[in-house]
Amino acid sequence: MNPTVIKGNHHQDERGIIRFNNGFDVLGIKRVYLIENTDVGFVRAWHGHQVEQRWFSPVKGVFKIKLIKIDDWNKLSPNLPVLEFTLHSENLDVLHIPPGFVTSIQASEDDSQLMVFADYRLAEIQDEYSFPPDYFKL
């Protein structure tokens, strides 16, 4: 399964703006949290899951998300290809990250906020993998 962007949209009139994503099915979501990096220079990398999946949606600002599909969790290659996505909050787009990926998250604007949805509760399973920011050869 590959990462996909579930496109949202917005509507603006004299009353204000409504941002929506009618294609994002939240059935199966068990946990929600919000990420705010300290500043645009900080990169939150590399963290991922072999079993869990995530959905990322910026609620404020812009984020650059890099993904790496892990080929072998027991013998990790530092030279894996990188997928890159830029997510903007205007349309409430949602990036679906299937199991088996590690992520790098960087805000592109000050005060950006990224909503994260997960399909497992905290500590429901042991599926946390973290690697040093410079582990992968980008």
N, C-alpha and C. Protein backbone atom coordinates (compact mmCIF):
# COMPACT_ATOMS: atom_id res chain seq x y z
N MET A 1 0.85 -1.18 0.00
CA MET A 1 0.00 0.00 0.00
C MET A 1 0.89 1.24 0.00
N ASN A 2 0.55 2.22 -0.80
CA ASN A 2 1.32 3.45 -0.91
C ASN A 2 0.65 4.60 -0.17
N PRO A 3 1.44 5.57 0.29
CA PRO A 3 0.85 6.77 0.89
C PRO A 3 -0.01 7.49 -0.15
N THR A 4 -1.10 8.07 0.30
CA THR A 4 -1.98 8.82 -0.59
C THR A 4 -2.47 10.08 0.10
N VAL A 5 -2.71 11.10 -0.69
CA VAL A 5 -3.31 12.33 -0.17
C VAL A 5 -4.80 12.27 -0.45
N ILE A 6 -5.57 12.41 0.60
CA ILE A 6 -7.03 12.48 0.49
C ILE A 6 -7.36 13.97 0.42
N LYS A 7 -7.77 14.41 -0.75
CA LYS A 7 -7.96 15.84 -0.99
C LYS A 7 -9.20 16.37 -0.28
N GLY A 8 -9.01 17.50 0.36
CA GLY A 8 -10.11 18.23 0.97
C GLY A 8 -10.41 19.46 0.12
N ASN A 9 -11.15 20.39 0.69
CA ASN A 9 -11.50 21.60 -0.03
C ASN A 9 -11.97 22.63 0.99
N HIS A 10 -12.39 23.78 0.50
CA HIS A 10 -12.94 24.80 1.38
C HIS A 10 -14.01 25.60 0.63
N HIS A 11 -14.85 26.24 1.41
CA HIS A 11 -15.88 27.12 0.85
C HIS A 11 -15.84 28.41 1.64
N GLN A 12 -15.85 29.52 0.92
CA GLN A 12 -15.82 30.82 1.58
C GLN A 12 -16.98 31.66 1.09
N ASP A 13 -17.67 32.30 2.03
CA ASP A 13 -18.70 33.26 1.69
C ASP A 13 -18.69 34.36 2.74
N GLU A 14 -19.74 35.16 2.77
CA GLU A 14 -19.78 36.31 3.70
C GLU A 14 -19.76 35.90 5.17
N ARG A 15 -20.06 34.64 5.45
CA ARG A 15 -20.07 34.16 6.84
C ARG A 15 -18.69 33.71 7.32
N GLY A 16 -17.80 33.42 6.38
CA GLY A 16 -16.47 32.93 6.75
C GLY A 16 -16.05 31.79 5.85
N ILE A 17 -15.21 30.90 6.40
CA ILE A 17 -14.65 29.79 5.63
C ILE A 17 -14.98 28.47 6.32
N ILE A 18 -15.36 27.49 5.51
CA ILE A 18 -15.52 26.12 5.98
C ILE A 18 -14.48 25.27 5.24
N ARG A 19 -13.64 24.57 6.01
CA ARG A 19 -12.69 23.63 5.43
C ARG A 19 -13.22 22.24 5.68
N PHE A 20 -13.16 21.36 4.67
CA PHE A 20 -13.76 20.05 4.83
C PHE A 20 -12.98 19.00 4.07
N ASN A 21 -13.16 17.76 4.48
CA ASN A 21 -12.59 16.63 3.76
C ASN A 21 -13.62 15.51 3.82
N ASN A 22 -14.48 15.47 2.83
CA ASN A 22 -15.56 14.48 2.80
C ASN A 22 -15.09 13.09 2.39
N GLY A 23 -13.85 12.98 1.92
CA GLY A 23 -13.31 11.68 1.52
C GLY A 23 -12.54 10.96 2.62
N PHE A 24 -12.33 11.62 3.75
CA PHE A 24 -11.56 11.04 4.84
C PHE A 24 -12.51 10.28 5.78
N ASP A 25 -12.40 8.95 5.77
CA ASP A 25 -13.23 8.09 6.61
C ASP A 25 -12.50 7.85 7.93
N VAL A 26 -13.06 8.31 9.02
CA VAL A 26 -12.40 8.20 10.32
C VAL A 26 -12.73 6.90 11.07
N LEU A 27 -13.46 6.02 10.42
CA LEU A 27 -13.75 4.73 11.03
C LEU A 27 -12.44 4.00 11.31
N GLY A 28 -12.23 3.57 12.51
CA GLY A 28 -10.99 2.89 12.87
C GLY A 28 -9.98 3.77 13.59
N ILE A 29 -10.22 5.07 13.62
CA ILE A 29 -9.32 5.98 14.33
C ILE A 29 -9.54 5.80 15.83
N LYS A 30 -8.44 5.62 16.57
CA LYS A 30 -8.54 5.43 18.02
C LYS A 30 -7.85 6.53 18.82
N ARG A 31 -7.04 7.35 18.12
CA ARG A 31 -6.28 8.35 18.85
C ARG A 31 -6.01 9.55 17.95
N VAL A 32 -6.01 10.73 18.55
CA VAL A 32 -5.75 11.97 17.83
C VAL A 32 -4.79 12.80 18.68
N TYR A 33 -3.80 13.40 18.01
CA TYR A 33 -2.92 14.33 18.71
C TYR A 33 -2.45 15.42 17.75
N LEU A 34 -1.88 16.48 18.30
CA LEU A 34 -1.47 17.65 17.54
C LEU A 34 0.03 17.86 17.71
N ILE A 35 0.73 18.10 16.60
CA ILE A 35 2.17 18.37 16.63
C ILE A 35 2.40 19.83 16.26
N GLU A 36 3.21 20.50 17.08
CA GLU A 36 3.69 21.84 16.80
C GLU A 36 5.20 21.81 17.01
N ASN A 37 5.97 21.89 15.92
CA ASN A 37 7.42 21.92 16.06
C ASN A 37 7.86 23.24 16.67
N THR A 38 9.04 23.25 17.29
CA THR A 38 9.53 24.45 17.97
C THR A 38 9.74 25.62 17.02
N ASP A 39 10.21 25.34 15.81
CA ASP A 39 10.39 26.38 14.79
C ASP A 39 10.55 25.71 13.44
N VAL A 40 10.65 26.52 12.37
CA VAL A 40 10.70 25.95 11.02
C VAL A 40 12.02 25.26 10.72
N GLY A 41 13.05 25.49 11.52
CA GLY A 41 14.33 24.83 11.32
C GLY A 41 14.39 23.43 11.92
N PHE A 42 13.46 23.13 12.81
CA PHE A 42 13.47 21.82 13.49
C PHE A 42 12.82 20.75 12.60
N VAL A 43 13.49 19.60 12.50
CA VAL A 43 12.96 18.47 11.74
C VAL A 43 12.74 17.31 12.70
N ARG A 44 11.52 16.86 12.80
CA ARG A 44 11.15 15.73 13.65
C ARG A 44 11.30 14.46 12.80
N ALA A 45 12.49 13.82 12.91
CA ALA A 45 12.79 12.67 12.06
C ALA A 45 13.58 11.64 12.86
N TRP A 46 13.58 10.47 12.55
CA TRP A 46 12.74 9.59 11.77
C TRP A 46 12.00 8.71 12.73
N HIS A 47 10.70 8.66 12.62
CA HIS A 47 9.87 7.88 13.53
C HIS A 47 8.81 7.16 12.70
N GLY A 48 8.54 5.90 13.04
CA GLY A 48 7.56 5.18 12.24
C GLY A 48 7.02 3.94 12.92
N HIS A 49 6.27 3.18 12.13
CA HIS A 49 5.53 2.03 12.65
C HIS A 49 5.50 0.92 11.61
N GLN A 50 5.69 -0.28 12.10
CA GLN A 50 5.62 -1.45 11.23
C GLN A 50 4.18 -1.91 11.04
N VAL A 51 3.33 -1.70 12.04
CA VAL A 51 1.95 -2.18 12.03
C VAL A 51 0.95 -1.01 11.98
N GLU A 52 1.18 0.00 12.76
CA GLU A 52 0.25 1.13 12.85
C GLU A 52 0.28 1.97 11.58
N GLN A 53 -0.82 2.65 11.35
CA GLN A 53 -0.88 3.63 10.27
C GLN A 53 -1.27 4.98 10.85
N ARG A 54 -0.96 6.02 10.11
CA ARG A 54 -1.23 7.37 10.54
C ARG A 54 -1.87 8.16 9.40
N TRP A 55 -2.55 9.21 9.79
CA TRP A 55 -3.11 10.18 8.86
C TRP A 55 -2.68 11.55 9.37
N PHE A 56 -2.08 12.37 8.51
CA PHE A 56 -1.60 13.70 8.87
C PHE A 56 -2.45 14.74 8.15
N SER A 57 -2.87 15.77 8.90
CA SER A 57 -3.62 16.87 8.30
C SER A 57 -3.24 18.18 8.99
N PRO A 58 -2.66 19.11 8.24
CA PRO A 58 -2.33 20.40 8.86
C PRO A 58 -3.60 21.20 9.14
N VAL A 59 -3.74 21.66 10.36
CA VAL A 59 -4.90 22.50 10.70
C VAL A 59 -4.52 23.97 10.66
N LYS A 60 -3.19 24.23 10.63
CA LYS A 60 -2.70 25.60 10.52
C LYS A 60 -1.32 25.55 9.87
N GLY A 61 -1.13 26.32 8.80
CA GLY A 61 0.18 26.43 8.20
C GLY A 61 0.49 25.39 7.15
N VAL A 62 1.79 25.10 6.99
CA VAL A 62 2.29 24.22 5.95
C VAL A 62 3.34 23.28 6.54
N PHE A 63 3.31 22.02 6.10
CA PHE A 63 4.28 21.02 6.55
C PHE A 63 4.88 20.30 5.37
N LYS A 64 6.18 20.03 5.47
CA LYS A 64 6.87 19.16 4.53
C LYS A 64 7.02 17.81 5.23
N ILE A 65 6.46 16.77 4.63
CA ILE A 65 6.49 15.43 5.18
C ILE A 65 7.32 14.55 4.25
N LYS A 66 8.34 13.91 4.80
CA LYS A 66 9.13 12.94 4.04
C LYS A 66 8.84 11.55 4.59
N LEU A 67 8.72 10.59 3.70
CA LEU A 67 8.41 9.21 4.07
C LEU A 67 9.43 8.26 3.46
N ILE A 68 9.76 7.25 4.23
CA ILE A 68 10.62 6.18 3.72
C ILE A 68 9.96 4.86 4.05
N LYS A 69 9.77 4.03 3.03
CA LYS A 69 9.22 2.68 3.20
C LYS A 69 10.38 1.78 3.63
N ILE A 70 10.25 1.16 4.78
CA ILE A 70 11.31 0.30 5.31
C ILE A 70 11.23 -1.06 4.62
N ASP A 71 12.35 -1.49 4.06
CA ASP A 71 12.38 -2.75 3.32
C ASP A 71 12.60 -3.95 4.23
N ASP A 72 13.39 -3.77 5.29
CA ASP A 72 13.68 -4.87 6.22
C ASP A 72 13.92 -4.27 7.60
N TRP A 73 12.97 -4.45 8.51
CA TRP A 73 13.06 -3.85 9.84
C TRP A 73 14.20 -4.43 10.67
N ASN A 74 14.71 -5.59 10.30
CA ASN A 74 15.81 -6.22 11.04
C ASN A 74 17.18 -5.83 10.51
N LYS A 75 17.24 -5.45 9.25
CA LYS A 75 18.50 -5.04 8.62
C LYS A 75 18.21 -3.81 7.77
N LEU A 76 18.15 -2.68 8.43
CA LEU A 76 17.70 -1.43 7.84
C LEU A 76 18.74 -0.82 6.91
N SER A 77 18.35 -0.55 5.68
CA SER A 77 19.23 0.10 4.71
C SER A 77 19.13 1.62 4.86
N PRO A 78 20.27 2.32 4.91
CA PRO A 78 20.24 3.79 5.00
C PRO A 78 20.03 4.47 3.65
N ASN A 79 19.95 3.69 2.56
CA ASN A 79 19.86 4.26 1.22
C ASN A 79 18.51 4.02 0.55
N LEU A 80 17.44 4.10 1.29
CA LEU A 80 16.11 3.86 0.74
C LEU A 80 15.55 5.12 0.09
N PRO A 81 14.68 4.97 -0.92
CA PRO A 81 14.10 6.15 -1.58
C PRO A 81 13.18 6.92 -0.64
N VAL A 82 13.11 8.22 -0.88
CA VAL A 82 12.32 9.13 -0.06
C VAL A 82 11.15 9.67 -0.88
N LEU A 83 9.96 9.62 -0.29
CA LEU A 83 8.78 10.28 -0.86
C LEU A 83 8.60 11.59 -0.11
N GLU A 84 8.21 12.64 -0.82
CA GLU A 84 8.04 13.93 -0.17
C GLU A 84 6.68 14.52 -0.52
N PHE A 85 6.02 15.05 0.51
CA PHE A 85 4.71 15.68 0.36
C PHE A 85 4.74 17.04 1.05
N THR A 86 4.07 18.01 0.47
CA THR A 86 3.86 19.30 1.12
C THR A 86 2.37 19.45 1.36
N LEU A 87 2.00 19.65 2.61
CA LEU A 87 0.59 19.76 2.99
C LEU A 87 0.29 21.17 3.47
N HIS A 88 -0.79 21.74 2.95
CA HIS A 88 -1.24 23.08 3.31
C HIS A 88 -2.57 22.97 4.06
N SER A 89 -2.79 23.85 4.99
CA SER A 89 -4.01 23.78 5.80
C SER A 89 -5.26 24.30 5.10
N GLU A 90 -5.12 25.03 3.99
CA GLU A 90 -6.28 25.67 3.36
C GLU A 90 -7.41 24.70 3.03
N ASN A 91 -7.09 23.49 2.56
CA ASN A 91 -8.12 22.58 2.09
C ASN A 91 -8.33 21.35 2.98
N LEU A 92 -7.69 21.30 4.11
CA LEU A 92 -7.84 20.17 5.02
C LEU A 92 -7.50 18.83 4.35
N ASP A 93 -6.44 18.86 3.51
CA ASP A 93 -5.96 17.62 2.91
C ASP A 93 -5.44 16.69 4.00
N VAL A 94 -5.55 15.38 3.76
CA VAL A 94 -5.10 14.37 4.72
C VAL A 94 -4.14 13.44 4.00
N LEU A 95 -2.94 13.26 4.57
CA LEU A 95 -1.98 12.32 4.03
C LEU A 95 -2.10 11.01 4.80
N HIS A 96 -2.45 9.94 4.09
CA HIS A 96 -2.53 8.61 4.72
C HIS A 96 -1.17 7.94 4.61
N ILE A 97 -0.64 7.50 5.75
CA ILE A 97 0.64 6.81 5.80
C ILE A 97 0.37 5.37 6.23
N PRO A 98 0.48 4.43 5.32
CA PRO A 98 0.23 3.02 5.65
C PRO A 98 1.29 2.47 6.60
N PRO A 99 1.07 1.29 7.15
CA PRO A 99 2.09 0.66 7.98
C PRO A 99 3.38 0.46 7.17
N GLY A 100 4.50 0.49 7.88
CA GLY A 100 5.78 0.18 7.25
C GLY A 100 6.62 1.37 6.85
N PHE A 101 6.20 2.58 7.23
CA PHE A 101 6.92 3.79 6.86
C PHE A 101 7.47 4.50 8.10
N VAL A 102 8.58 5.22 7.90
CA VAL A 102 9.06 6.18 8.89
C VAL A 102 8.85 7.56 8.30
N THR A 103 8.71 8.57 9.19
CA THR A 103 8.37 9.91 8.75
C THR A 103 9.38 10.94 9.24
N SER A 104 9.47 12.01 8.48
CA SER A 104 10.18 13.23 8.85
C SER A 104 9.18 14.36 8.69
N ILE A 105 9.04 15.18 9.73
CA ILE A 105 8.04 16.24 9.74
C ILE A 105 8.73 17.57 9.99
N GLN A 106 8.51 18.53 9.07
CA GLN A 106 9.08 19.86 9.24
C GLN A 106 8.03 20.91 8.87
N ALA A 107 7.80 21.85 9.78
CA ALA A 107 6.91 22.96 9.48
C ALA A 107 7.60 23.91 8.52
N SER A 108 6.84 24.45 7.58
CA SER A 108 7.38 25.42 6.63
C SER A 108 6.98 26.85 6.97
N GLU A 109 6.08 27.01 7.93
CA GLU A 109 5.66 28.32 8.40
C GLU A 109 5.63 28.30 9.91
N ASP A 110 5.93 29.44 10.52
CA ASP A 110 5.85 29.54 11.99
C ASP A 110 4.44 29.23 12.47
N ASP A 111 4.35 28.67 13.66
CA ASP A 111 3.08 28.37 14.33
C ASP A 111 2.21 27.36 13.59
N SER A 112 2.80 26.54 12.72
CA SER A 112 2.04 25.51 12.02
C SER A 112 1.65 24.40 13.00
N GLN A 113 0.50 23.79 12.74
CA GLN A 113 -0.01 22.71 13.60
C GLN A 113 -0.45 21.55 12.71
N LEU A 114 -0.01 20.34 13.09
CA LEU A 114 -0.32 19.13 12.33
C LEU A 114 -1.14 18.19 13.19
N MET A 115 -2.37 17.90 12.75
CA MET A 115 -3.23 16.94 13.44
C MET A 115 -2.85 15.54 12.96
N VAL A 116 -2.68 14.63 13.91
CA VAL A 116 -2.31 13.25 13.59
C VAL A 116 -3.39 12.32 14.12
N PHE A 117 -3.80 11.38 13.26
CA PHE A 117 -4.78 10.37 13.62
C PHE A 117 -4.08 9.02 13.58
N ALA A 118 -4.37 8.15 14.55
CA ALA A 118 -3.73 6.84 14.62
C ALA A 118 -4.79 5.76 14.81
N ASP A 119 -4.48 4.56 14.32
CA ASP A 119 -5.45 3.47 14.41
C ASP A 119 -5.20 2.54 15.60
N TYR A 120 -4.30 2.91 16.51
CA TYR A 120 -4.09 2.17 17.75
C TYR A 120 -4.01 3.15 18.89
N ARG A 121 -4.47 2.74 20.07
CA ARG A 121 -4.35 3.56 21.26
C ARG A 121 -2.90 3.55 21.73
N LEU A 122 -2.54 4.54 22.49
CA LEU A 122 -1.20 4.63 23.06
C LEU A 122 -0.90 3.38 23.88
N ALA A 123 0.21 2.73 23.59
CA ALA A 123 0.69 1.52 24.28
C ALA A 123 -0.21 0.30 24.06
N GLU A 124 -1.12 0.36 23.10
CA GLU A 124 -1.96 -0.80 22.79
C GLU A 124 -1.10 -1.93 22.22
N ILE A 125 -0.12 -1.57 21.40
CA ILE A 125 0.86 -2.53 20.89
C ILE A 125 2.24 -1.87 20.97
N GLN A 126 3.28 -2.67 20.90
CA GLN A 126 4.65 -2.15 20.89
C GLN A 126 5.11 -2.04 19.45
N ASP A 127 5.01 -0.85 18.88
CA ASP A 127 5.26 -0.67 17.45
C ASP A 127 5.92 0.68 17.19
N GLU A 128 6.82 1.09 18.05
CA GLU A 128 7.50 2.38 17.91
C GLU A 128 8.92 2.16 17.40
N TYR A 129 9.27 2.83 16.32
CA TYR A 129 10.62 2.75 15.77
C TYR A 129 11.14 4.16 15.54
N SER A 130 12.32 4.45 16.07
CA SER A 130 12.94 5.76 15.88
C SER A 130 14.38 5.57 15.44
N PHE A 131 14.83 6.47 14.57
CA PHE A 131 16.18 6.44 14.04
C PHE A 131 16.75 7.85 14.10
N PRO A 132 18.06 8.00 14.24
CA PRO A 132 18.67 9.34 14.28
C PRO A 132 18.33 10.14 13.02
N PRO A 133 18.23 11.46 13.15
CA PRO A 133 17.87 12.30 12.00
C PRO A 133 18.79 12.13 10.80
N ASP A 134 20.05 11.77 11.02
CA ASP A 134 20.99 11.64 9.92
C ASP A 134 21.21 10.18 9.48
N TYR A 135 20.36 9.26 9.94
CA TYR A 135 20.54 7.84 9.60
C TYR A 135 20.41 7.56 8.11
N PHE A 136 19.38 8.13 7.50
CA PHE A 136 19.12 7.87 6.09
C PHE A 136 19.91 8.84 5.22
N LYS A 137 20.46 8.32 4.14
CA LYS A 137 21.27 9.13 3.21
C LYS A 137 20.33 9.77 2.19
N LEU A 138 19.99 11.02 2.44
CA LEU A 138 19.02 11.71 1.57
C LEU A 138 19.70 12.42 0.43
